[in-house]
N, C-alpha and C. Protein backbone atom coordinates (compact mmCIF):
# COMPACT_ATOMS: atom_id res chain seq x y z
N MET A 1 174.65 161.99 18.39
CA MET A 1 173.23 162.38 17.85
C MET A 1 172.53 162.41 19.29
N GLY A 2 171.29 163.10 19.09
CA GLY A 2 170.61 163.74 20.44
C GLY A 2 169.58 162.62 20.49
N GLY A 3 168.59 163.05 21.44
CA GLY A 3 167.56 162.26 22.00
C GLY A 3 166.48 162.52 21.08
N ALA A 4 165.01 162.39 21.61
CA ALA A 4 163.71 162.33 20.74
C ALA A 4 163.48 163.65 20.54
N GLY A 5 163.01 163.73 18.98
CA GLY A 5 162.51 164.84 18.48
C GLY A 5 163.03 164.75 17.10
N GLY A 6 162.63 165.82 15.95
CA GLY A 6 162.59 165.63 14.52
C GLY A 6 161.88 166.29 13.77
N ALA A 7 161.54 166.22 12.57
CA ALA A 7 160.73 166.94 11.76
C ALA A 7 159.26 166.56 12.24
N PRO A 8 158.37 167.75 12.02
CA PRO A 8 157.13 167.68 12.56
C PRO A 8 156.42 166.39 11.83
N MET A 9 155.44 165.48 12.41
CA MET A 9 155.12 164.28 12.00
C MET A 9 153.56 164.42 11.11
N SER A 10 153.66 164.14 9.96
CA SER A 10 152.63 163.94 8.99
C SER A 10 151.71 162.59 9.22
N PRO A 11 150.84 162.25 9.10
CA PRO A 11 150.23 160.87 9.25
C PRO A 11 151.26 159.83 8.69
N ILE A 12 151.78 160.26 7.33
CA ILE A 12 152.69 159.03 6.81
C ILE A 12 154.04 159.02 7.55
N LEU A 13 154.45 160.09 8.14
CA LEU A 13 155.99 160.17 8.62
C LEU A 13 155.71 159.44 10.09
N ASP A 14 154.54 159.67 10.83
CA ASP A 14 154.37 159.19 11.92
C ASP A 14 154.43 157.47 11.82
N ALA A 15 153.71 157.36 10.94
CA ALA A 15 153.58 155.84 10.45
C ALA A 15 154.90 155.21 10.19
N VAL A 16 155.84 155.93 9.43
CA VAL A 16 156.96 155.73 9.11
C VAL A 16 157.83 155.47 10.34
N ARG A 17 157.85 156.21 11.03
CA ARG A 17 158.38 156.18 12.41
C ARG A 17 158.03 154.99 13.26
N ARG A 18 156.57 154.67 13.12
CA ARG A 18 156.24 153.67 14.02
C ARG A 18 156.49 152.53 13.56
N ARG A 19 156.73 152.24 12.15
CA ARG A 19 157.15 151.08 11.60
C ARG A 19 158.66 150.91 11.87
N LEU A 20 159.68 151.72 11.67
CA LEU A 20 160.99 151.87 11.99
C LEU A 20 161.05 151.02 13.80
N CYS A 21 160.31 152.03 14.55
CA CYS A 21 160.67 151.74 15.88
C CYS A 21 160.16 150.22 16.41
N GLY A 22 158.98 149.99 15.74
CA GLY A 22 158.40 148.21 15.81
C GLY A 22 159.46 147.37 15.30
N TYR A 23 160.29 147.65 14.01
CA TYR A 23 160.72 146.73 13.30
C TYR A 23 162.23 146.72 14.24
N PHE A 24 162.70 147.63 14.73
CA PHE A 24 163.96 147.53 15.68
C PHE A 24 163.76 147.30 16.99
N GLU A 25 162.73 147.40 17.27
CA GLU A 25 162.03 147.11 18.67
C GLU A 25 162.90 148.19 19.90
N GLU A 26 162.65 149.69 19.22
CA GLU A 26 163.24 150.44 20.20
C GLU A 26 162.14 151.77 19.91
N SER A 27 161.60 152.15 21.13
CA SER A 27 160.46 153.17 21.27
C SER A 27 161.17 154.42 21.11
N ASP A 28 162.50 154.72 21.63
CA ASP A 28 162.63 156.33 21.82
C ASP A 28 164.24 156.05 21.28
N PRO A 29 164.42 156.00 19.89
CA PRO A 29 165.80 156.10 19.54
C PRO A 29 166.53 157.63 19.19
N ALA A 30 167.88 157.72 19.39
CA ALA A 30 168.33 158.87 19.44
C ALA A 30 168.47 159.39 18.12
N SER A 31 168.32 160.63 17.80
CA SER A 31 167.75 161.42 16.43
C SER A 31 168.72 162.53 16.25
N ALA A 32 168.57 163.06 15.08
CA ALA A 32 169.20 164.28 14.57
C ALA A 32 168.51 164.80 13.58
N THR A 33 168.28 165.82 13.49
CA THR A 33 167.24 166.61 12.52
C THR A 33 168.50 167.59 11.48
N LEU A 34 168.41 167.56 10.19
CA LEU A 34 169.24 168.10 9.24
C LEU A 34 168.09 168.82 8.10
N THR A 35 168.48 169.92 7.94
CA THR A 35 168.07 170.71 6.80
C THR A 35 168.87 171.08 5.45
N PHE A 36 168.46 171.13 4.33
CA PHE A 36 168.99 171.57 3.08
C PHE A 36 168.15 172.60 2.51
N LEU A 37 168.95 173.54 1.93
CA LEU A 37 168.30 174.55 0.91
C LEU A 37 167.38 173.94 -0.15
N GLY A 38 166.09 174.24 0.00
CA GLY A 38 165.22 173.78 -0.90
C GLY A 38 164.45 172.45 -0.66
N ALA A 39 164.68 171.75 0.39
CA ALA A 39 164.02 170.84 0.89
C ALA A 39 163.76 170.69 2.43
N GLY A 40 162.81 170.24 2.79
CA GLY A 40 162.22 170.02 4.21
C GLY A 40 163.15 169.43 5.33
N ALA A 41 162.80 169.42 6.37
CA ALA A 41 163.49 168.88 7.55
C ALA A 41 163.63 167.32 7.53
N LEU A 42 164.85 166.77 7.28
CA LEU A 42 164.88 165.43 7.42
C LEU A 42 165.52 164.79 8.86
N THR A 43 164.71 163.90 9.32
CA THR A 43 165.28 162.95 10.56
C THR A 43 165.94 161.90 10.64
N ILE A 44 167.04 161.79 11.09
CA ILE A 44 167.92 160.71 10.99
C ILE A 44 167.83 159.71 12.39
N LEU A 45 167.05 158.63 12.57
CA LEU A 45 166.97 158.01 13.88
C LEU A 45 168.16 156.72 13.97
N ARG A 46 168.61 156.58 15.21
CA ARG A 46 169.83 155.74 15.29
C ARG A 46 169.17 154.63 16.10
N PHE A 47 169.38 153.42 15.56
CA PHE A 47 168.85 152.24 16.13
C PHE A 47 170.27 151.40 16.43
N GLY A 48 170.27 150.72 17.67
CA GLY A 48 171.20 149.59 17.85
C GLY A 48 172.40 150.28 18.88
N PRO A 49 173.54 149.61 19.10
CA PRO A 49 173.93 148.49 18.25
C PRO A 49 173.04 147.35 18.85
N ASP A 50 172.71 146.29 17.64
CA ASP A 50 172.06 145.16 17.90
C ASP A 50 173.08 144.15 18.46
N THR A 51 172.66 142.78 18.44
CA THR A 51 173.47 141.81 19.02
C THR A 51 174.61 141.47 18.41
N ALA A 52 174.65 142.00 17.22
CA ALA A 52 175.70 142.00 16.05
C ALA A 52 176.49 143.15 15.84
N GLY A 53 176.72 144.24 16.93
CA GLY A 53 177.09 145.23 16.97
C GLY A 53 176.87 146.37 15.66
N VAL A 54 175.61 146.04 15.17
CA VAL A 54 175.16 146.88 13.91
C VAL A 54 174.30 148.00 14.27
N VAL A 55 174.90 149.09 13.82
CA VAL A 55 173.91 150.14 14.44
C VAL A 55 173.19 150.66 12.70
N THR A 56 172.25 151.20 13.15
CA THR A 56 171.34 151.26 11.79
C THR A 56 170.82 152.56 12.00
N TYR A 57 171.15 153.49 10.84
CA TYR A 57 170.64 154.67 10.67
C TYR A 57 169.64 154.76 9.68
N ALA A 58 168.27 155.48 9.92
CA ALA A 58 167.17 155.55 9.29
C ALA A 58 166.58 157.01 9.02
N THR A 59 166.19 157.32 7.76
CA THR A 59 165.64 158.65 7.51
C THR A 59 164.14 158.44 7.77
N VAL A 60 163.75 159.81 8.40
CA VAL A 60 162.19 159.98 8.32
C VAL A 60 162.14 161.47 7.67
N GLY A 61 161.30 161.51 6.61
CA GLY A 61 161.03 162.84 6.16
C GLY A 61 161.12 162.81 4.67
N CYS A 62 161.98 162.24 4.13
CA CYS A 62 162.09 161.89 2.53
C CYS A 62 160.40 161.58 1.73
N SER A 63 159.78 160.76 2.34
CA SER A 63 158.37 160.24 2.23
C SER A 63 157.47 161.06 2.19
N ALA A 64 157.77 162.17 2.89
CA ALA A 64 156.61 163.36 3.26
C ALA A 64 156.04 163.95 1.75
N GLU A 65 156.58 163.87 0.70
CA GLU A 65 156.19 164.00 -0.72
C GLU A 65 156.54 162.97 -1.44
N PRO A 66 155.84 162.77 -2.67
CA PRO A 66 155.92 161.79 -3.55
C PRO A 66 157.39 162.24 -4.51
N MET A 67 157.94 161.36 -4.86
CA MET A 67 159.20 161.65 -5.91
C MET A 67 158.71 161.46 -7.34
N SER A 68 159.04 162.49 -8.16
CA SER A 68 158.75 162.63 -9.65
C SER A 68 160.03 162.70 -10.61
N ASP A 69 159.79 162.69 -11.73
CA ASP A 69 160.55 162.46 -12.90
C ASP A 69 160.99 163.89 -12.87
N PRO A 70 162.33 164.65 -13.07
CA PRO A 70 162.38 165.90 -13.09
C PRO A 70 162.00 166.57 -14.38
N ALA A 71 161.58 165.53 -15.42
CA ALA A 71 161.15 165.94 -16.72
C ALA A 71 159.81 166.12 -16.82
N ASP A 72 159.27 165.65 -15.62
CA ASP A 72 157.67 165.95 -15.65
C ASP A 72 157.38 167.36 -14.82
N PHE A 73 156.86 168.11 -15.96
CA PHE A 73 156.55 169.75 -15.34
C PHE A 73 155.42 169.76 -14.70
N ALA A 74 154.54 168.67 -14.46
CA ALA A 74 153.17 169.09 -13.87
C ALA A 74 153.11 167.84 -13.00
N PRO A 75 153.96 167.17 -12.05
CA PRO A 75 153.77 166.31 -11.34
C PRO A 75 152.78 165.80 -10.57
N ASP A 76 152.03 164.98 -10.32
CA ASP A 76 151.05 164.51 -9.59
C ASP A 76 151.35 165.01 -7.92
N PRO A 77 150.64 165.99 -7.23
CA PRO A 77 151.03 166.06 -6.03
C PRO A 77 151.22 165.01 -5.08
N VAL A 78 150.07 164.15 -5.37
CA VAL A 78 149.96 163.09 -4.35
C VAL A 78 150.43 161.55 -4.78
N ALA A 79 149.99 161.37 -5.77
CA ALA A 79 150.73 159.91 -6.27
C ALA A 79 152.18 160.09 -7.01
N GLY A 80 152.85 159.12 -6.45
CA GLY A 80 154.33 159.08 -6.77
C GLY A 80 154.70 158.22 -5.99
N PRO A 81 155.92 157.52 -6.40
CA PRO A 81 156.80 156.57 -5.29
C PRO A 81 157.37 157.58 -4.08
N ARG A 82 157.25 156.79 -3.03
CA ARG A 82 157.82 157.54 -1.61
C ARG A 82 158.78 156.37 -0.97
N ALA A 83 159.93 156.83 -0.59
CA ALA A 83 160.83 155.92 -0.03
C ALA A 83 161.22 156.57 1.32
N GLU A 84 162.08 155.91 2.01
CA GLU A 84 163.02 156.18 3.27
C GLU A 84 164.02 155.54 3.16
N LEU A 85 165.20 155.90 3.95
CA LEU A 85 166.46 154.85 3.51
C LEU A 85 167.05 154.40 5.02
N LEU A 86 167.67 153.47 4.92
CA LEU A 86 168.63 153.07 5.81
C LEU A 86 169.92 152.61 5.52
N LEU A 87 170.66 152.87 6.74
CA LEU A 87 172.13 152.49 6.48
C LEU A 87 172.85 151.84 7.90
N PRO A 88 172.99 150.41 7.61
CA PRO A 88 173.55 149.60 8.75
C PRO A 88 174.88 149.86 8.72
N VAL A 89 175.55 150.00 10.06
CA VAL A 89 176.94 150.25 9.68
C VAL A 89 177.49 149.26 11.02
N HIS A 90 178.41 148.66 10.81
CA HIS A 90 179.19 147.69 12.05
C HIS A 90 179.75 148.51 13.01
N GLY A 91 179.44 148.86 14.39
CA GLY A 91 180.02 149.53 14.89
C GLY A 91 179.60 150.94 15.53
N GLY A 92 178.54 151.22 14.24
CA GLY A 92 178.08 152.73 14.27
C GLY A 92 179.31 153.76 13.83
N LEU A 93 178.70 154.66 13.21
CA LEU A 93 179.48 155.93 12.68
C LEU A 93 178.55 156.99 12.68
N ASP A 94 178.65 157.83 13.09
CA ASP A 94 177.74 158.98 13.46
C ASP A 94 178.07 160.03 12.03
N ALA A 95 179.07 160.04 11.71
CA ALA A 95 179.67 160.88 10.50
C ALA A 95 178.59 160.55 9.23
N VAL A 96 177.95 159.32 9.01
CA VAL A 96 177.40 159.09 7.93
C VAL A 96 175.96 159.66 8.09
N THR A 97 175.47 160.55 9.18
CA THR A 97 174.42 161.12 9.26
C THR A 97 174.18 162.02 8.17
N ARG A 98 175.18 163.08 8.03
CA ARG A 98 175.01 163.94 6.76
C ARG A 98 174.70 163.59 5.48
N PRO A 99 175.83 162.65 5.18
CA PRO A 99 175.56 162.25 3.59
C PRO A 99 174.23 161.37 3.52
N LEU A 100 173.93 160.65 4.52
CA LEU A 100 172.68 159.86 4.35
C LEU A 100 171.45 161.01 4.06
N ALA A 101 171.51 161.90 5.06
CA ALA A 101 170.44 163.01 4.89
C ALA A 101 170.32 163.75 3.15
N MET A 102 171.57 164.07 3.06
CA MET A 102 171.69 164.43 1.55
C MET A 102 171.18 163.68 0.69
N LEU A 103 171.36 162.49 0.67
CA LEU A 103 170.86 161.45 -0.02
C LEU A 103 169.16 161.47 -0.22
N ALA A 104 168.89 161.58 1.07
CA ALA A 104 167.35 161.67 1.28
C ALA A 104 166.66 162.96 0.58
N ALA A 105 167.47 164.12 0.69
CA ALA A 105 166.98 165.05 0.09
C ALA A 105 166.94 165.32 -1.34
N ALA A 106 168.01 164.39 -1.80
CA ALA A 106 168.11 164.35 -3.28
C ALA A 106 166.69 164.31 -4.25
N PRO A 107 165.87 163.89 -4.09
CA PRO A 107 164.50 163.88 -4.81
C PRO A 107 164.22 164.92 -4.99
N THR A 108 164.15 165.94 -3.72
CA THR A 108 163.82 167.44 -3.54
C THR A 108 164.76 168.20 -4.49
N VAL A 109 166.20 168.26 -4.03
CA VAL A 109 167.19 168.80 -4.48
C VAL A 109 167.68 168.70 -6.06
N GLU A 110 167.59 167.42 -6.14
CA GLU A 110 168.12 167.41 -7.46
C GLU A 110 167.13 166.54 -8.34
N GLY A 111 166.16 165.94 -7.98
CA GLY A 111 165.11 165.59 -8.92
C GLY A 111 165.53 163.93 -8.85
N LEU A 112 166.37 163.33 -8.25
CA LEU A 112 166.57 161.79 -8.17
C LEU A 112 165.35 161.16 -7.51
N VAL A 113 165.13 160.16 -8.32
CA VAL A 113 163.92 159.36 -7.60
C VAL A 113 164.61 158.21 -7.10
N LEU A 114 164.38 157.72 -5.70
CA LEU A 114 165.14 156.63 -5.08
C LEU A 114 164.40 155.48 -5.43
N ARG A 115 165.15 154.42 -5.77
CA ARG A 115 164.66 152.98 -6.13
C ARG A 115 165.52 152.19 -6.21
N PRO A 116 165.42 150.72 -6.16
CA PRO A 116 166.34 149.91 -5.98
C PRO A 116 167.23 150.12 -7.21
N GLY A 117 168.55 150.34 -7.40
CA GLY A 117 169.44 150.30 -8.22
C GLY A 117 169.94 151.83 -8.75
N ALA A 118 169.30 152.63 -8.05
CA ALA A 118 169.64 154.03 -8.10
C ALA A 118 171.06 154.30 -7.45
N LEU A 119 171.89 155.21 -7.83
CA LEU A 119 173.04 155.50 -7.65
C LEU A 119 172.98 157.11 -7.41
N LEU A 120 173.86 157.45 -6.45
CA LEU A 120 174.27 159.25 -6.33
C LEU A 120 175.75 159.21 -6.18
N ASP A 121 176.65 159.85 -6.55
CA ASP A 121 178.02 159.74 -6.39
C ASP A 121 178.10 161.29 -6.17
N PHE A 122 178.92 161.58 -4.77
CA PHE A 122 179.20 162.72 -4.26
C PHE A 122 180.72 163.41 -4.79
N THR A 123 181.18 162.42 -5.03
CA THR A 123 182.57 162.86 -5.93
C THR A 123 183.56 163.24 -4.59
N ALA A 124 183.43 163.07 -3.57
CA ALA A 124 184.20 163.19 -2.56
C ALA A 124 183.78 162.16 -1.22
N PRO A 125 185.00 162.26 -0.26
CA PRO A 125 184.75 161.18 0.36
C PRO A 125 183.14 161.61 1.37
N LEU A 126 182.32 160.32 1.84
CA LEU A 126 181.43 160.52 2.37
C LEU A 126 181.61 160.89 3.65
N TRP A 127 182.46 160.33 4.53
CA TRP A 127 182.95 160.94 5.89
C TRP A 127 184.66 161.12 5.95
N PRO A 128 185.15 161.85 6.87
CA PRO A 128 186.41 161.88 6.69
C PRO A 128 187.34 160.71 6.72
N GLU A 129 188.34 160.37 5.56
CA GLU A 129 189.15 159.28 5.41
C GLU A 129 188.40 158.32 4.78
N ALA A 130 187.17 158.51 4.31
CA ALA A 130 186.28 157.27 3.72
C ALA A 130 186.98 157.05 2.42
N ARG A 131 186.99 155.83 1.89
CA ARG A 131 187.19 155.52 0.73
C ARG A 131 185.89 155.54 -0.28
N PHE A 132 184.78 155.84 0.36
CA PHE A 132 183.66 155.92 -0.47
C PHE A 132 183.05 157.39 -0.76
N THR A 133 182.77 157.45 -1.87
CA THR A 133 182.25 158.58 -2.53
C THR A 133 180.51 158.62 -2.83
N GLY A 134 180.09 157.48 -2.84
CA GLY A 134 178.48 157.56 -3.20
C GLY A 134 177.89 156.65 -2.57
N PHE A 135 176.62 156.59 -3.04
CA PHE A 135 175.63 155.39 -2.26
C PHE A 135 175.13 154.39 -3.64
N VAL A 136 174.68 153.34 -3.40
CA VAL A 136 173.80 152.34 -4.01
C VAL A 136 172.84 152.09 -3.34
N LEU A 137 171.52 152.15 -3.99
CA LEU A 137 170.30 151.73 -3.05
C LEU A 137 169.98 150.29 -3.65
N LEU A 138 169.69 149.58 -2.49
CA LEU A 138 169.29 148.01 -2.54
C LEU A 138 167.75 148.27 -1.73
N ASP A 139 167.16 147.33 -2.11
CA ASP A 139 165.75 146.79 -1.12
C ASP A 139 166.27 146.57 0.36
N ALA A 140 165.45 147.06 1.11
CA ALA A 140 165.97 146.76 2.79
C ALA A 140 164.54 145.88 3.06
N GLU A 141 164.93 145.18 4.13
CA GLU A 141 163.97 144.26 4.76
C GLU A 141 162.81 144.70 5.49
N VAL A 142 162.52 146.00 5.90
CA VAL A 142 161.56 146.70 6.69
C VAL A 142 160.39 146.82 5.62
N PRO A 143 159.22 145.99 6.06
CA PRO A 143 158.11 146.06 5.46
C PRO A 143 157.51 147.38 5.13
N GLU A 144 157.02 147.85 3.65
CA GLU A 144 156.55 148.84 3.23
C GLU A 144 155.63 149.52 4.18
N VAL A 145 155.14 150.96 4.25
CA VAL A 145 154.10 151.55 4.75
C VAL A 145 153.12 151.84 3.93
N ASP A 146 151.80 151.08 4.06
CA ASP A 146 150.95 151.71 3.04
C ASP A 146 149.81 152.66 3.72
N PRO A 147 149.78 153.94 3.25
CA PRO A 147 148.92 155.28 3.71
C PRO A 147 147.49 154.96 3.45
N ALA A 148 146.99 154.02 2.62
CA ALA A 148 145.84 153.81 2.28
C ALA A 148 144.88 153.62 3.41
N HIS A 149 144.99 153.17 4.63
CA HIS A 149 144.07 153.39 5.57
C HIS A 149 144.65 154.20 7.06
N LEU A 150 145.50 155.18 6.59
CA LEU A 150 146.10 156.04 7.72
C LEU A 150 145.01 157.25 7.72
N PRO A 151 144.47 157.65 8.90
CA PRO A 151 143.68 158.64 9.02
C PRO A 151 144.34 159.93 8.97
N GLY A 152 143.91 161.17 7.86
CA GLY A 152 144.71 161.86 7.76
C GLY A 152 145.55 162.04 6.63
N ALA A 153 146.08 161.01 6.11
CA ALA A 153 146.88 160.61 4.96
C ALA A 153 146.35 161.01 3.55
N PRO A 154 146.95 161.38 2.64
CA PRO A 154 146.11 162.15 1.39
C PRO A 154 146.00 160.72 0.36
N ALA A 155 144.52 160.79 -0.13
CA ALA A 155 143.95 159.89 -0.64
C ALA A 155 144.93 159.54 -2.08
N GLY A 156 145.18 158.32 -2.50
CA GLY A 156 145.86 157.92 -3.46
C GLY A 156 147.53 158.17 -3.32
N ALA A 157 148.03 158.39 -1.91
CA ALA A 157 149.32 158.33 -1.78
C ALA A 157 149.79 156.90 -2.13
N GLU A 158 150.95 156.61 -2.39
CA GLU A 158 151.66 155.53 -2.76
C GLU A 158 152.36 154.59 -1.63
N PRO A 159 152.36 153.44 -1.40
CA PRO A 159 153.09 153.20 0.07
C PRO A 159 154.76 153.34 0.13
N VAL A 160 155.33 153.52 1.13
CA VAL A 160 156.62 154.08 1.61
C VAL A 160 157.30 153.01 1.33
N ARG A 161 158.29 152.90 0.51
CA ARG A 161 159.58 151.71 0.36
C ARG A 161 160.53 152.04 1.32
N PHE A 162 161.14 151.10 1.92
CA PHE A 162 162.43 151.12 2.52
C PHE A 162 163.69 150.74 1.53
N LEU A 163 164.83 151.75 1.77
CA LEU A 163 165.95 150.98 0.69
C LEU A 163 166.79 151.19 1.61
N GLN A 164 167.79 150.25 1.33
CA GLN A 164 169.27 150.13 2.03
C GLN A 164 170.14 151.03 1.26
N ALA A 165 170.78 151.97 1.91
CA ALA A 165 171.84 152.89 0.89
C ALA A 165 173.30 152.09 1.56
N VAL A 166 174.03 151.64 0.35
CA VAL A 166 175.31 150.95 0.52
C VAL A 166 176.32 151.96 0.01
N PRO A 167 177.13 152.24 1.13
CA PRO A 167 178.15 153.32 0.47
C PRO A 167 179.11 152.54 -0.56
N ALA A 168 179.71 153.33 -1.50
CA ALA A 168 180.58 152.63 -2.51
C ALA A 168 181.57 153.77 -3.19
N THR A 169 182.77 152.96 -3.50
CA THR A 169 183.41 153.85 -4.25
C THR A 169 183.20 154.18 -5.65
N ALA A 170 184.08 155.06 -5.95
CA ALA A 170 183.89 155.83 -7.56
C ALA A 170 184.03 154.46 -8.64
N ASN A 171 184.69 153.48 -8.15
CA ASN A 171 185.15 152.49 -9.19
C ASN A 171 183.73 151.47 -8.96
N GLU A 172 183.32 151.26 -7.75
CA GLU A 172 182.21 150.54 -7.54
C GLU A 172 181.02 151.26 -8.29
N LEU A 173 180.88 152.55 -8.15
CA LEU A 173 179.56 153.18 -8.72
C LEU A 173 179.90 152.87 -10.30
N ALA A 174 181.05 153.47 -10.90
CA ALA A 174 181.34 153.23 -12.24
C ALA A 174 180.90 151.82 -12.77
N LEU A 175 181.09 150.65 -12.12
CA LEU A 175 180.66 149.36 -12.57
C LEU A 175 179.32 149.12 -12.46
N ALA A 176 178.34 149.70 -11.53
CA ALA A 176 177.12 149.88 -11.27
C ALA A 176 176.38 150.54 -12.49
N ARG A 177 177.15 151.65 -12.89
CA ARG A 177 176.68 152.49 -14.07
C ARG A 177 176.62 151.73 -15.43
N ALA A 178 177.82 150.88 -15.47
CA ALA A 178 178.14 150.25 -16.85
C ALA A 178 177.18 149.09 -16.87
N LYS A 179 177.09 148.24 -16.16
CA LYS A 179 176.66 146.93 -16.00
C LYS A 179 175.29 146.56 -15.06
N GLY A 180 174.77 147.63 -14.21
CA GLY A 180 173.83 147.50 -13.43
C GLY A 180 174.27 147.38 -12.16
N ALA A 181 173.40 147.70 -10.96
CA ALA A 181 173.53 147.51 -9.54
C ALA A 181 173.59 145.96 -9.36
N ALA A 182 173.28 145.35 -9.94
CA ALA A 182 173.10 143.70 -9.55
C ALA A 182 174.82 143.06 -9.94
N ALA A 183 175.30 143.79 -10.84
CA ALA A 183 176.54 143.33 -11.06
C ALA A 183 177.68 143.40 -10.09
N LEU A 184 177.56 144.44 -9.36
CA LEU A 184 178.12 145.14 -8.27
C LEU A 184 177.88 144.42 -7.01
N VAL A 185 176.66 144.09 -6.85
CA VAL A 185 176.01 143.26 -5.78
C VAL A 185 176.98 141.55 -5.75
N GLU A 186 176.82 141.50 -7.26
CA GLU A 186 177.85 140.23 -7.37
C GLU A 186 179.13 140.14 -6.97
N ALA A 187 179.60 141.24 -7.45
CA ALA A 187 181.26 141.54 -7.25
C ALA A 187 181.42 141.52 -5.71
N TRP A 188 180.31 142.21 -4.75
CA TRP A 188 180.54 142.14 -3.49
C TRP A 188 180.39 140.64 -2.69
N ARG A 189 179.41 140.05 -3.56
CA ARG A 189 179.42 138.39 -3.00
C ARG A 189 180.43 137.71 -3.35
N ALA A 190 180.96 137.79 -4.55
CA ALA A 190 182.31 137.02 -4.87
C ALA A 190 183.42 137.31 -3.93
N GLN A 191 183.54 138.54 -3.64
CA GLN A 191 184.57 138.99 -2.71
C GLN A 191 184.36 138.89 -0.98
N GLY A 192 183.32 138.56 -0.69
CA GLY A 192 182.80 138.19 0.74
C GLY A 192 182.76 139.56 1.33
N ALA A 193 182.43 140.75 0.41
CA ALA A 193 182.56 141.72 1.31
C ALA A 193 181.35 142.14 2.10
N ASP A 194 181.05 142.78 2.93
CA ASP A 194 180.13 143.30 4.05
C ASP A 194 179.78 144.53 3.61
N PRO A 195 178.66 144.98 3.16
CA PRO A 195 178.03 146.06 2.92
C PRO A 195 178.07 147.12 4.08
N GLY A 196 177.89 146.62 5.20
CA GLY A 196 177.92 147.39 6.42
C GLY A 196 179.11 147.82 7.02
N ASP A 197 180.31 147.24 6.56
CA ASP A 197 181.39 147.63 7.13
C ASP A 197 182.37 148.75 6.51
N PRO A 198 181.98 149.64 7.42
CA PRO A 198 182.87 151.29 7.06
C PRO A 198 184.30 150.99 6.66
N HIS A 199 184.91 149.98 6.65
CA HIS A 199 186.17 150.06 6.60
C HIS A 199 186.78 148.79 5.29
N ARG A 200 185.70 148.25 4.80
CA ARG A 200 185.75 147.11 3.60
C ARG A 200 186.79 147.66 2.40
N ALA A 201 187.22 146.61 2.23
CA ALA A 201 187.88 146.67 0.71
C ALA A 201 187.07 147.06 -0.55
N PRO A 202 187.51 147.88 -1.34
CA PRO A 202 186.51 147.82 -2.58
C PRO A 202 186.68 146.64 -3.31
N ALA A 203 185.54 146.32 -4.01
CA ALA A 203 185.32 145.24 -4.89
C ALA A 203 186.04 145.14 -6.35
N VAL A 204 186.49 146.30 -6.60
CA VAL A 204 186.79 146.62 -8.15
C VAL A 204 187.48 147.78 -8.11
């Protein structure tokens, strides 16, 4: 990944970047910018490794626009949920940058609303030799960004929520679809699985 740079900053995206840099205590993280047809530019920031050797990849750009149900033919251009994604990886693995950006682009490209429990299966390895084919979204610990008092932010914009994207196998995603994401999280806990381990064994 390269140095500083990325998507042009709106008041909301600027606040998102400040929140992430403050939370991870890095003022100038490495970054990469990716673009997808039909979606705006997305920046992936790379924080760490921390004292435990964890590198966290974080998106900036997904929250530029509110998400809406694809069945809504006249979505509100301002109101609606906004989110950014985090992906912690033990030891770091820059190959996760592209699938993470693809997930962040999914609200625009596929009409997916990113929220806790949401699933997206790419049906192919997320990176070369990966056993994981998609992601499950869970709440992240980074506090949300409320644009209500940001100068220049659109009136009525909803807070930006931070979600953790956890790589999952096809069978794990099937379990989450059938019984809910909470059942998959419980399976991980029962096995002692670490969601940040890119080489962990499947829970099911």
